Protein backbone atom coordinates (compact mmCIF):
# COMPACT_ATOMS: atom_id res chain seq x y z
CA UNK A 1 44.82 8.75 -11.82
CA UNK A 2 44.64 11.95 -9.76
CA UNK A 3 42.59 14.80 -11.25
CA UNK A 4 42.70 18.18 -9.47
CA UNK A 5 39.55 20.25 -10.08
CA UNK A 6 40.16 24.01 -9.88
CA UNK A 7 37.40 25.46 -7.69
CA UNK A 8 38.85 28.98 -7.33
CA UNK A 9 41.28 30.53 -4.87
CA UNK A 10 41.93 30.24 -1.15
CA UNK A 11 43.62 32.68 1.22
CA UNK A 12 46.63 34.37 -0.32
CA UNK A 13 45.41 33.79 -3.92
CA UNK A 14 46.51 30.13 -3.67
CA UNK A 15 44.57 27.87 -6.06
CA UNK A 16 41.90 25.82 -4.28
CA UNK A 17 41.75 22.38 -5.87
CA UNK A 18 39.51 19.41 -5.28
CA UNK A 19 40.70 15.81 -5.76
CA UNK A 20 38.07 14.32 -8.08
CA UNK A 21 38.94 10.68 -7.40
CA UNK A 22 38.76 11.26 -3.63
CA UNK A 23 35.46 13.10 -4.07
CA UNK A 24 33.95 10.11 -5.87
CA UNK A 25 34.73 8.00 -2.80
CA UNK A 26 33.78 10.45 -0.03
CA UNK A 27 30.87 12.61 -1.37
CA UNK A 28 30.20 16.34 -0.81
CA UNK A 29 27.70 18.49 1.11
CA UNK A 30 27.16 22.19 0.29
CA UNK A 31 25.17 24.53 2.56
CA UNK A 32 24.25 28.17 2.11
CA UNK A 33 21.25 30.43 2.31
CA UNK A 34 19.48 31.55 -0.85
CA UNK A 35 21.82 33.90 -2.74
CA UNK A 36 25.01 32.59 -1.13
CA UNK A 37 26.31 31.09 -4.40
CA UNK A 38 25.50 27.37 -4.03
CA UNK A 39 24.34 26.97 -7.63
CA UNK A 40 27.40 28.90 -8.84
CA UNK A 41 29.63 26.50 -6.87
CA UNK A 42 27.88 23.45 -8.33
CA UNK A 43 28.15 24.88 -11.84
CA UNK A 44 31.90 25.48 -11.36
CA UNK A 45 32.35 21.89 -10.16
CA UNK A 46 30.35 20.49 -13.08
CA UNK A 47 32.15 22.54 -15.72
CA UNK A 48 35.61 21.68 -14.43
CA UNK A 49 34.90 17.94 -14.05
CA UNK A 50 32.81 17.45 -17.24
CA UNK A 51 35.74 16.09 -19.32
CA UNK A 52 36.69 13.54 -16.64
CA UNK A 53 33.54 11.89 -15.27
CA UNK A 54 29.93 11.17 -16.21
CA UNK A 55 27.48 13.55 -14.55
CA UNK A 56 23.83 13.43 -13.54
CA UNK A 57 22.12 16.59 -12.21
CA UNK A 58 18.77 16.54 -10.40
CA UNK A 59 17.60 20.07 -11.24
CA UNK A 60 14.35 21.26 -9.61
CA UNK A 61 14.43 24.74 -11.23
CA UNK A 62 15.86 23.96 -14.69
CA UNK A 63 18.93 26.15 -14.09
CA UNK A 64 21.52 23.58 -15.25
CA UNK A 65 19.96 22.81 -18.65
CA UNK A 66 22.37 25.33 -20.21
CA UNK A 67 25.18 22.80 -19.70
CA UNK A 68 23.87 20.93 -22.74
CA UNK A 69 24.86 23.74 -25.12
CA UNK A 70 28.58 23.63 -24.28
CA UNK A 71 29.25 20.26 -22.63
CA UNK A 72 26.74 18.00 -24.38
CA UNK A 73 24.53 17.06 -21.41
CA UNK A 74 21.25 15.49 -22.46
CA UNK A 75 18.23 17.23 -20.89
CA UNK A 76 15.55 14.80 -19.67
CA UNK A 77 12.12 16.33 -19.19
CA UNK A 78 10.63 14.76 -16.06
CA UNK A 79 7.03 14.95 -17.33
CA UNK A 80 7.04 11.20 -17.91
CA UNK A 81 5.81 8.14 -16.07
CA UNK A 82 7.90 6.81 -13.19
CA UNK A 83 8.50 3.51 -15.01
CA UNK A 84 9.78 5.37 -18.07
CA UNK A 85 12.15 7.48 -15.97
CA UNK A 86 13.50 4.33 -14.30
CA UNK A 87 14.23 2.71 -17.67
CA UNK A 88 15.87 5.89 -18.99
CA UNK A 89 18.11 6.03 -15.90
CA UNK A 90 19.24 2.45 -16.51
CA UNK A 91 20.17 3.31 -20.10
CA UNK A 92 21.99 6.44 -18.90
CA UNK A 93 24.30 4.26 -16.80
CA UNK A 94 24.66 1.70 -19.56
CA UNK A 95 25.74 4.21 -22.23
CA UNK A 96 27.57 6.61 -19.82
CA UNK A 97 25.77 9.77 -20.96
CA UNK A 98 25.82 12.94 -18.83
CA UNK A 99 22.26 14.16 -18.23
CA UNK A 100 20.21 16.88 -16.53
CA UNK A 101 16.87 15.74 -15.07
CA UNK A 102 14.73 18.88 -15.50
CA UNK A 103 11.99 18.93 -12.84
CA UNK A 104 10.82 22.46 -13.69
CA UNK A 105 7.04 22.85 -13.91
CA UNK A 106 6.18 19.97 -11.55
CA UNK A 107 4.78 20.43 -8.08
CA UNK A 108 6.84 19.31 -5.09
CA UNK A 109 5.28 15.86 -4.78
CA UNK A 110 5.70 15.15 -8.49
CA UNK A 111 9.33 16.29 -8.29
CA UNK A 112 9.96 13.92 -5.39
CA UNK A 113 8.40 10.96 -7.21
CA UNK A 114 10.26 11.68 -10.46
CA UNK A 115 13.61 12.10 -8.70
CA UNK A 116 13.04 8.90 -6.69
CA UNK A 117 12.23 6.91 -9.85
CA UNK A 118 15.29 8.23 -11.70
CA UNK A 119 17.72 7.73 -8.80
CA UNK A 120 16.27 4.26 -8.22
CA UNK A 121 16.92 3.32 -11.86
CA UNK A 122 20.55 4.45 -11.58
CA UNK A 123 21.01 2.66 -8.27
CA UNK A 124 19.51 -0.64 -9.54
CA UNK A 125 21.55 -0.71 -12.78
CA UNK A 126 23.25 -3.97 -13.74
CA UNK A 127 26.65 -4.59 -12.11
CA UNK A 128 28.35 -4.50 -15.51
CA UNK A 129 27.46 -0.79 -15.77
CA UNK A 130 28.70 0.43 -12.37
CA UNK A 131 30.86 3.17 -13.86
CA UNK A 132 31.67 6.31 -11.78
CA UNK A 133 28.93 8.96 -11.91
CA UNK A 134 28.87 12.36 -10.20
CA UNK A 135 25.24 12.75 -9.02
CA UNK A 136 24.50 16.40 -8.15
CA UNK A 137 21.24 17.16 -6.31
CA UNK A 138 20.38 20.85 -5.97
CA UNK A 139 17.95 21.90 -3.22
CA UNK A 140 18.40 18.50 -1.57
CA UNK A 141 16.11 19.44 1.33
CA UNK A 142 13.17 19.02 -1.10
CA UNK A 143 14.03 15.36 -1.74
CA UNK A 144 15.31 14.37 1.73
CA UNK A 145 13.29 16.49 4.19
CA UNK A 146 13.96 16.07 7.89
CA UNK A 147 10.25 16.34 8.79
CA UNK A 148 7.01 15.51 7.01
CA UNK A 149 5.53 18.36 4.98
CA UNK A 150 2.45 18.83 2.85
CA UNK A 151 3.32 15.95 0.51
CA UNK A 152 2.02 12.42 0.98
CA UNK A 153 3.92 9.97 3.15
CA UNK A 154 4.37 7.63 0.18
CA UNK A 155 6.13 10.28 -1.93
CA UNK A 156 8.32 11.33 1.00
CA UNK A 157 9.35 7.74 1.75
CA UNK A 158 10.19 7.05 -1.91
CA UNK A 159 12.29 10.19 -2.27
CA UNK A 160 14.01 9.84 1.11
CA UNK A 161 14.81 6.18 0.39
CA UNK A 162 16.37 7.05 -2.98
CA UNK A 163 18.50 9.83 -1.43
CA UNK A 164 19.57 7.52 1.41
CA UNK A 165 20.63 4.85 -1.09
CA UNK A 166 22.58 7.46 -3.05
CA UNK A 167 24.53 8.74 -0.05
CA UNK A 168 24.83 5.55 2.03
CA UNK A 169 25.13 2.70 -0.48
CA UNK A 170 25.88 4.44 -3.77
CA UNK A 171 29.69 4.43 -3.47
CA UNK A 172 30.05 0.72 -4.25
CA UNK A 173 27.85 1.21 -7.31
CA UNK A 174 29.96 4.12 -8.58
CA UNK A 175 27.45 6.83 -7.54
CA UNK A 176 29.08 9.84 -5.87
CA UNK A 177 26.51 12.13 -4.27
CA UNK A 178 26.97 15.92 -4.26
CA UNK A 179 24.06 17.55 -2.41
CA UNK A 180 23.33 21.23 -1.84
CA UNK A 181 20.84 22.58 0.72
CA UNK A 182 19.78 25.94 2.08
CA UNK A 183 19.63 24.73 5.67
CA UNK A 184 21.14 21.66 7.33
CA UNK A 185 18.21 21.65 9.75
CA UNK A 186 15.84 20.95 6.83
CA UNK A 187 17.93 18.00 5.54
CA UNK A 188 17.52 14.46 6.87
CA UNK A 189 20.39 13.64 9.20
CA UNK A 190 21.12 10.17 7.81
CA UNK A 191 21.61 11.73 4.35
CA UNK A 192 23.82 14.61 5.49
CA UNK A 193 25.91 12.42 7.80
CA UNK A 194 27.31 10.32 4.93
CA UNK A 195 29.21 13.23 3.35
CA UNK A 196 32.89 13.57 4.27
CA UNK A 197 33.56 16.83 2.39
CA UNK A 198 31.86 20.13 3.24
CA UNK A 199 31.59 23.59 1.70
CA UNK A 200 29.72 25.93 4.05
CA UNK A 201 28.51 29.29 2.78
CA UNK A 202 26.64 32.24 4.24
CA UNK A 203 23.95 31.47 6.82
CA UNK A 204 22.26 33.55 9.50
CA UNK A 205 20.31 31.38 11.95
CA UNK A 206 22.18 30.43 15.11
CA UNK A 207 21.28 26.74 14.84
CA UNK A 208 22.62 26.53 11.26
CA UNK A 209 25.82 28.39 12.12
CA UNK A 210 26.42 26.14 15.14
CA UNK A 211 25.82 22.98 13.13
CA UNK A 212 28.10 24.16 10.31
CA UNK A 213 30.86 24.97 12.80
CA UNK A 214 30.41 21.58 14.44
CA UNK A 215 30.75 19.74 11.10
CA UNK A 216 33.94 21.67 10.31
CA UNK A 217 35.42 21.07 13.77
CA UNK A 218 35.44 24.76 14.63
CA UNK A 219 34.81 26.38 18.00
CA UNK A 220 31.42 27.93 18.73
CA UNK A 221 32.83 31.44 18.86
CA UNK A 222 34.10 30.98 15.30
CA UNK A 223 30.60 30.22 14.03
CA UNK A 224 29.82 33.93 13.68
CA UNK A 225 32.01 34.13 10.57
CA UNK A 226 29.38 32.29 8.49
CA UNK A 227 27.12 35.33 8.84
CA UNK A 228 29.75 37.60 7.25
CA UNK A 229 30.65 35.45 4.23
CA UNK A 230 30.15 37.19 0.88
CA UNK A 231 28.41 35.62 -2.09
CA UNK A 232 30.58 32.87 -3.60
CA UNK A 233 32.75 32.55 -0.47
CA UNK A 234 32.75 29.21 1.38
CA UNK A 235 34.66 27.43 4.13
CA UNK A 236 35.86 24.00 2.94
CA UNK A 237 36.89 20.86 4.80
CA UNK A 238 37.33 17.22 3.80
CA UNK A 239 39.79 14.65 2.45
CA UNK A 240 39.17 15.79 -1.14
CA UNK A 241 39.77 19.49 -0.34
CA UNK A 242 41.68 20.26 2.86
CA UNK A 243 42.40 18.63 6.21
CA UNK A 244 41.82 21.96 7.97
CA UNK A 245 39.01 24.53 7.48
CA UNK A 246 39.99 26.51 4.39
CA UNK A 247 38.31 29.72 3.08
CA UNK A 248 37.57 29.32 -0.64
CA UNK A 249 36.41 31.87 -3.19
CA UNK A 250 34.67 30.10 -6.08
CA UNK A 251 36.00 30.98 -9.52
CA UNK A 252 34.15 32.12 -12.63
CA UNK A 253 31.94 29.87 -14.76
CA UNK A 254 31.53 29.64 -18.51
CA UNK A 255 27.83 28.85 -18.76
CA UNK A 256 25.07 30.84 -17.10
CA UNK A 257 21.83 29.91 -15.39
CA UNK A 258 18.47 30.57 -17.01
CA UNK A 259 17.31 32.37 -13.87
CA UNK A 260 19.27 35.29 -12.44
CA UNK A 261 19.09 37.33 -9.28
CA UNK A 262 16.54 40.19 -9.47
CA UNK A 263 18.02 43.59 -10.29
CA UNK A 264 16.45 47.03 -10.00
CA UNK A 265 14.99 48.34 -13.25
CA UNK A 266 13.64 51.90 -13.70
CA UNK A 267 9.84 52.07 -13.73
CA UNK A 268 8.19 53.22 -16.96
CA UNK A 269 6.52 56.56 -17.08
CA UNK A 270 2.90 56.32 -15.95
CA UNK A 271 0.60 56.80 -18.96
CA UNK A 272 -2.44 59.05 -18.70
CA UNK A 273 -4.86 56.22 -19.43
CA UNK A 274 -3.39 53.70 -16.97
CA UNK A 275 -6.88 52.65 -15.80
CA UNK A 276 -7.93 51.79 -19.37
CA UNK A 277 -4.76 49.71 -19.87
CA UNK A 278 -5.56 47.64 -16.78
CA UNK A 279 -9.31 47.18 -17.01
CA UNK A 280 -9.74 46.98 -20.79
CA UNK A 281 -8.93 43.71 -22.56
CA UNK A 282 -6.91 43.77 -25.77
CA UNK A 283 -8.37 42.17 -28.94
CA UNK A 284 -5.99 39.18 -28.64
CA UNK A 285 -6.96 38.73 -25.01
CA UNK A 286 -10.66 38.72 -25.82
CA UNK A 287 -10.29 35.82 -28.29
CA UNK A 288 -8.04 33.80 -26.01
CA UNK A 289 -10.02 31.15 -24.09
CA UNK A 290 -9.85 31.28 -20.32
CA UNK A 291 -8.62 27.94 -19.01
CA UNK A 292 -9.41 27.19 -15.42
CA UNK A 293 -8.61 23.95 -13.73
CA UNK A 294 -11.71 22.37 -12.22
CA UNK A 295 -11.60 21.94 -8.46
CA UNK A 296 -10.80 18.41 -7.30
CA UNK A 297 -13.91 16.31 -6.58
CA UNK A 298 -14.75 15.86 -2.92
CA UNK A 299 -13.66 12.54 -1.42
CA UNK A 300 -16.41 9.90 -1.40
CA UNK A 301 -18.11 9.18 1.88
CA UNK A 302 -17.81 5.87 3.71
CA UNK A 303 -21.36 4.89 2.71
CA UNK A 304 -20.58 5.53 -0.98
CA UNK A 305 -17.44 3.36 -0.78
CA UNK A 306 -19.33 0.50 0.88
CA UNK A 307 -22.09 0.74 -1.75
CA UNK A 308 -19.52 0.57 -4.58
CA UNK A 309 -17.85 -2.48 -3.06
CA UNK A 310 -21.12 -4.33 -2.59
CA UNK A 311 -22.34 -3.59 -6.11
CA UNK A 312 -21.98 -6.49 -8.54
CA UNK A 313 -19.36 -5.91 -11.19
CA UNK A 314 -20.53 -6.48 -14.78
CA UNK A 315 -18.47 -8.91 -16.83
CA UNK A 316 -15.63 -7.14 -18.58
CA UNK A 317 -15.24 -7.55 -22.30
CA UNK A 318 -11.65 -7.10 -23.29
CA UNK A 319 -11.30 -5.33 -26.60
CA UNK A 320 -8.35 -6.16 -28.75
CA UNK A 321 -5.80 -3.36 -28.34
CA UNK A 322 -5.05 -1.44 -31.47
CA UNK A 323 -1.39 -0.71 -31.94
CA UNK A 324 -0.33 2.68 -33.26
CA UNK A 325 2.90 1.20 -34.55
CA UNK A 326 3.44 -1.15 -37.52
CA UNK A 327 3.46 -4.83 -36.65
CA UNK A 328 6.89 -6.39 -36.36
CA UNK A 329 7.59 -9.71 -38.04
CA UNK A 330 9.03 -11.62 -35.07
CA UNK A 331 10.52 -14.35 -37.28
CA UNK A 332 12.37 -11.81 -39.42
CA UNK A 333 13.52 -9.93 -36.31
CA UNK A 334 14.83 -13.15 -34.69
CA UNK A 335 16.65 -14.01 -37.91
CA UNK A 336 18.37 -10.61 -37.93
CA UNK A 337 19.41 -11.03 -34.29
CA UNK A 338 20.79 -14.51 -35.05
CA UNK A 339 22.82 -13.10 -37.95
CA UNK A 340 24.24 -10.38 -35.69
CA UNK A 341 25.15 -12.96 -33.04
CA UNK A 342 26.94 -15.05 -35.69
CA UNK A 343 28.91 -12.00 -36.87
CA UNK A 344 29.74 -11.12 -33.29
CA UNK A 345 31.15 -14.57 -32.54
CA UNK A 346 33.01 -14.63 -35.86
CA UNK A 347 35.68 -12.47 -34.26
CA UNK A 348 38.50 -14.78 -33.02
CA UNK A 349 38.90 -12.67 -29.87
CA UNK A 350 35.18 -12.70 -29.01
CA UNK A 351 35.58 -15.56 -26.53
CA UNK A 352 38.06 -13.57 -24.47
CA UNK A 353 36.02 -10.34 -24.32
CA UNK A 354 33.74 -9.56 -21.37
CA UNK A 355 30.00 -9.90 -21.69
CA UNK A 356 29.57 -6.15 -21.16
CA UNK A 357 31.85 -5.34 -24.12
CA UNK A 358 30.11 -7.90 -26.33
CA UNK A 359 26.71 -6.48 -25.36
CA UNK A 360 27.78 -2.94 -26.29
CA UNK A 361 29.01 -4.23 -29.68
CA UNK A 362 25.73 -6.12 -30.13
CA UNK A 363 23.63 -2.99 -29.46
CA UNK A 364 25.65 -0.96 -31.97
CA UNK A 365 25.21 -3.65 -34.63
CA UNK A 366 21.44 -3.72 -33.95
CA UNK A 367 21.22 0.02 -34.50
CA UNK A 368 23.27 -0.20 -37.71
CA UNK A 369 21.02 -2.99 -39.06
CA UNK A 370 17.92 -1.06 -37.87
CA UNK A 371 16.52 -4.09 -36.07
CA UNK A 372 12.90 -3.19 -35.16
CA UNK A 373 11.68 -3.21 -31.56
CA UNK A 374 13.60 -3.08 -28.31
CA UNK A 375 16.90 -5.02 -28.36
CA UNK A 376 17.18 -7.99 -25.97
CA UNK A 377 18.05 -7.03 -22.40
CA UNK A 378 21.37 -8.09 -20.90
CA UNK A 379 20.08 -11.34 -19.26
CA UNK A 380 18.42 -12.44 -22.53
CA UNK A 381 21.59 -11.53 -24.44
CA UNK A 382 23.69 -13.71 -22.12
CA UNK A 383 21.37 -16.64 -22.81
CA UNK A 384 21.49 -16.11 -26.58
CA UNK A 385 25.28 -15.79 -26.37
CA UNK A 386 25.59 -19.17 -24.63
CA UNK A 387 23.42 -20.91 -27.26
CA UNK A 388 25.07 -19.12 -30.21
CA UNK A 389 28.52 -20.29 -29.10
CA UNK A 390 27.32 -23.88 -29.52
CA UNK A 391 25.65 -23.45 -32.96
CA UNK A 392 23.93 -26.90 -33.08
CA UNK A 393 22.61 -28.33 -36.32
CA UNK A 394 18.89 -28.42 -37.16
CA UNK A 395 18.47 -32.13 -36.25
CA UNK A 396 19.99 -31.60 -32.81
CA UNK A 397 17.84 -28.52 -32.14
CA UNK A 398 14.63 -30.48 -32.83
CA UNK A 399 15.58 -33.41 -30.57
CA UNK A 400 14.09 -33.92 -27.11
CA UNK A 401 17.57 -34.41 -25.67
CA UNK A 402 18.64 -30.92 -26.73
CA UNK A 403 15.55 -29.35 -25.15
CA UNK A 404 16.33 -31.21 -21.94
CA UNK A 405 19.94 -30.00 -22.11
CA UNK A 406 18.72 -26.40 -22.47
CA UNK A 407 16.53 -26.87 -19.40
CA UNK A 408 19.49 -28.20 -17.40
CA UNK A 409 21.69 -25.29 -18.51
CA UNK A 410 19.20 -22.77 -17.09
CA UNK A 411 20.18 -23.93 -13.59
CA UNK A 412 23.78 -22.78 -14.22
CA UNK A 413 25.33 -19.33 -14.21
CA UNK A 414 25.70 -17.43 -17.49
CA UNK A 415 29.49 -17.87 -17.78
CA UNK A 416 29.39 -21.70 -17.80
CA UNK A 417 26.23 -22.36 -19.84
CA UNK A 418 28.13 -22.32 -23.14
CA UNK A 419 30.64 -24.96 -21.97
CA UNK A 420 27.85 -27.23 -20.72
CA UNK A 421 25.88 -26.95 -23.98
CA UNK A 422 28.95 -27.72 -26.13
CA UNK A 423 29.55 -30.91 -24.14
CA UNK A 424 25.86 -31.83 -24.38
CA UNK A 425 25.85 -31.28 -28.16
CA UNK A 426 28.90 -33.51 -28.59
CA UNK A 427 27.20 -36.24 -26.56
CA UNK A 428 23.90 -35.98 -28.49
CA UNK A 429 25.68 -36.13 -31.86
CA UNK A 430 28.22 -38.78 -30.81
CA UNK A 431 31.16 -36.44 -31.50
CA UNK A 432 34.50 -36.72 -29.66
CA UNK A 433 34.77 -34.96 -26.32
CA UNK A 434 36.12 -31.39 -26.80
CA UNK A 435 39.70 -30.77 -25.74
CA UNK A 436 40.81 -28.63 -22.79
CA UNK A 437 41.78 -25.84 -25.22
CA UNK A 438 38.25 -25.76 -26.65
CA UNK A 439 36.60 -25.70 -23.22
CA UNK A 440 38.99 -23.02 -21.98
CA UNK A 441 38.20 -20.74 -24.90
CA UNK A 442 34.46 -21.19 -24.35
CA UNK A 443 35.00 -20.36 -20.69
CA UNK A 444 36.82 -17.14 -21.68
CA UNK A 445 40.30 -18.12 -20.52
CA UNK A 446 43.59 -19.44 -21.87
CA UNK A 447 44.13 -21.75 -18.88
CA UNK A 448 43.52 -25.46 -19.53
CA UNK A 449 43.59 -26.22 -15.79
CA UNK A 450 40.59 -23.95 -15.23
CA UNK A 451 38.69 -25.90 -17.90
CA UNK A 452 39.47 -29.19 -16.11
CA UNK A 453 38.33 -27.71 -12.79
CA UNK A 454 35.08 -26.68 -14.46
CA UNK A 455 34.47 -30.30 -15.55
CA UNK A 456 35.04 -31.38 -11.95
CA UNK A 457 32.52 -28.78 -10.80
CA UNK A 458 29.94 -30.10 -13.27
CA UNK A 459 30.58 -33.63 -12.01
CA UNK A 460 30.18 -32.62 -8.37
CA UNK A 461 26.74 -31.18 -9.20
CA UNK A 462 25.67 -34.49 -10.74
CA UNK A 463 25.23 -33.12 -14.26
CA UNK A 464 27.78 -35.36 -15.97
CA UNK A 465 30.36 -38.11 -15.39
CA UNK A 466 33.94 -37.90 -16.68
CA UNK A 467 36.02 -41.04 -17.36
CA UNK A 468 39.18 -41.97 -19.30
CA UNK A 469 39.47 -44.98 -21.62
CA UNK A 470 42.54 -47.20 -21.87
CA UNK A 471 44.16 -44.73 -24.31
CA UNK A 472 43.70 -41.83 -21.83
CA UNK A 473 41.08 -40.25 -24.04
CA UNK A 474 38.26 -38.49 -22.20
CA UNK A 475 34.60 -39.51 -22.36
CA UNK A 476 31.82 -37.36 -20.83
CA UNK A 477 28.50 -39.08 -20.05
CA UNK A 478 25.20 -37.33 -19.23
CA UNK A 479 23.04 -39.51 -16.93
CA UNK A 480 19.94 -37.33 -17.36
CA UNK A 481 20.17 -37.45 -21.16
CA UNK A 482 21.28 -41.07 -21.49
CA UNK A 483 24.09 -40.21 -23.93
CA UNK A 484 27.85 -39.81 -23.86
CA UNK A 485 30.55 -38.32 -26.09
CA UNK A 486 32.98 -40.30 -28.18
CA UNK A 487 36.54 -40.52 -26.77
CA UNK A 488 38.50 -37.31 -27.29
CA UNK A 489 42.06 -36.23 -26.57
CA UNK A 490 41.98 -33.71 -23.68
CA UNK A 491 45.37 -32.32 -24.77
CA UNK A 492 44.34 -31.85 -28.38
CA UNK A 493 43.95 -28.56 -30.29
CA UNK A 494 40.89 -26.32 -30.34
CA UNK A 495 39.03 -28.36 -32.95
CA UNK A 496 35.76 -26.43 -32.64
CA UNK A 497 37.48 -23.16 -33.59
CA UNK A 498 39.23 -24.87 -36.50
CA UNK A 499 35.89 -26.19 -37.78
CA UNK A 500 34.35 -22.72 -37.63
CA UNK A 501 37.31 -21.21 -39.47
CA UNK A 502 37.04 -23.80 -42.24
CA UNK A 503 33.29 -23.21 -42.55
CA UNK A 504 33.80 -19.47 -42.90
C-alpha cells in the first residue's frame, strides 16, 4: 500500500509528497542550523503519518510531548532506571503504541544512557513484534557524536551503539530511523551514511555546506544556496522524495511546541525603588529553604583504595526483604492462568492461529480477569501452550514417564512440542496412536503430509520409532520411555478434537 505524506509545496506550488513505505525502508536525515525549522519539519512528518504507522520520538527538549493531546502519543518520562526503560520499550513494540521519550531535565550523559536503553529494548524485541515503527531522533548529534566529549566513554559507546543499530540493522526489525542534526560534522559518519533520503536546511559553515552539497550530488558552486535558505525551506533528495534535488517549503502544523523562538517584548517601566526590589527578599522567599547540592566527594587516593581492599569484610547478615505489595497466592494465580489457557484453546480455530495472536488474546484475558502479578513472558507462554494442548490426566502428570517426556520436549522447538507431548501421552496411557488429522491440527496446519514428515523428523532425531502392524495401523514407540501407543488408523478423523467437544 502506497501512502503519500504531504510535506508542503515545492517549486511552482506543486505538492511535495513523501512515500511513507519507501521511507520505512530507506531512512531519513535532516540537517539545519538552530532556527532553520528542523523541529517544524519533524512535527509535520509526525502529524501527517500518525494515522498510518507507529511512532517513537526521542525528544531531548520535551517539545514533542504536545502530540499526546491530539494524536494519543504516550509520554514516557525518562527519569527511570535503564532496565525499566528497556522493558517499557519491549512492551511498546509488543502493543504497537506511539510514544514520546521525554528526556527533558536530564544532563547529557543521562540522556545518552536513557536513549540507549530505550532504543536497545526496541531493537531486541521478540521477532513476533517486528512491526514497522518510525523512530524519530531530534538533535541526533547528542546521541551519536563524531568525537568524544565531556561524557564518559561508556555512555558514549552505549548511545553510539544503539544509534548505529537503529540506522544500520534496524530495517529488518521494522525500525525506520529519522534523525535530525544541527551539523553533519558533529554526527558520526557511520550513522549518517545509512540514510538514503535527505532534507538539507539553512547552514553557514563552509564545511557543512560542502558536505550537504556532496550528499545531494550538487556542484560545489551550488553549495552557497544553503546559506540563503529561509526558515522552513529545505532541499530534498532520495527515493522516498525525489530523484533530483528538489526545493521544499514545509507546510503548517496543527500542534505546537512547548518552547518557542524568543521574541522582543517591551521592557517594564523602571520603578523608583528598583534596588529594594532586587536586594530585599519577599516574605515567601524568606520562608523558602535554600537547597544547594553538595559538591561531589573527592576521589579516594590509591592508598585508601588499597586499604579498603585489604580490610577484612564482616560477615553479611541478609535481612528478609519486606514487600510493599500484598502477597500473591501463587497456587490461585496458576489456577487462573490454567483456566484462561483452557478457554483460549476452547476456540476451534485456536490451533490455526499464530502464537503472537494467541499471546495477545491471552494478555487481554489476563487483564479482564485481573490476574495478579506480571503475566508470563512469551517464551513461558509458548511452553504453557504446548502442555495445555495435551491436557493430560492427573495420573499421567504424576508419573515419572511424563516428567521424562517433558524433559525431552524441552530439546525441541516451540512449534513441535505439543505434537511430541500428545504422542507421549498416548504411549504412556496405552491409547491408540493419533491420526494424521490430529497431528496436523496440533502442528497448526491442514496438511496431513506435513504431519507425516514431522513424525519422520522425530524418528531421525532418535526420539521415537514408527511402525505399521499387519492392518496398516500405526504404532509409535518411545525407546527412552519404554512405552508405545496402541495401533491407530493414520487416516482416521481428528479424535482428540472430537473428545474435547464431547467433554465441553
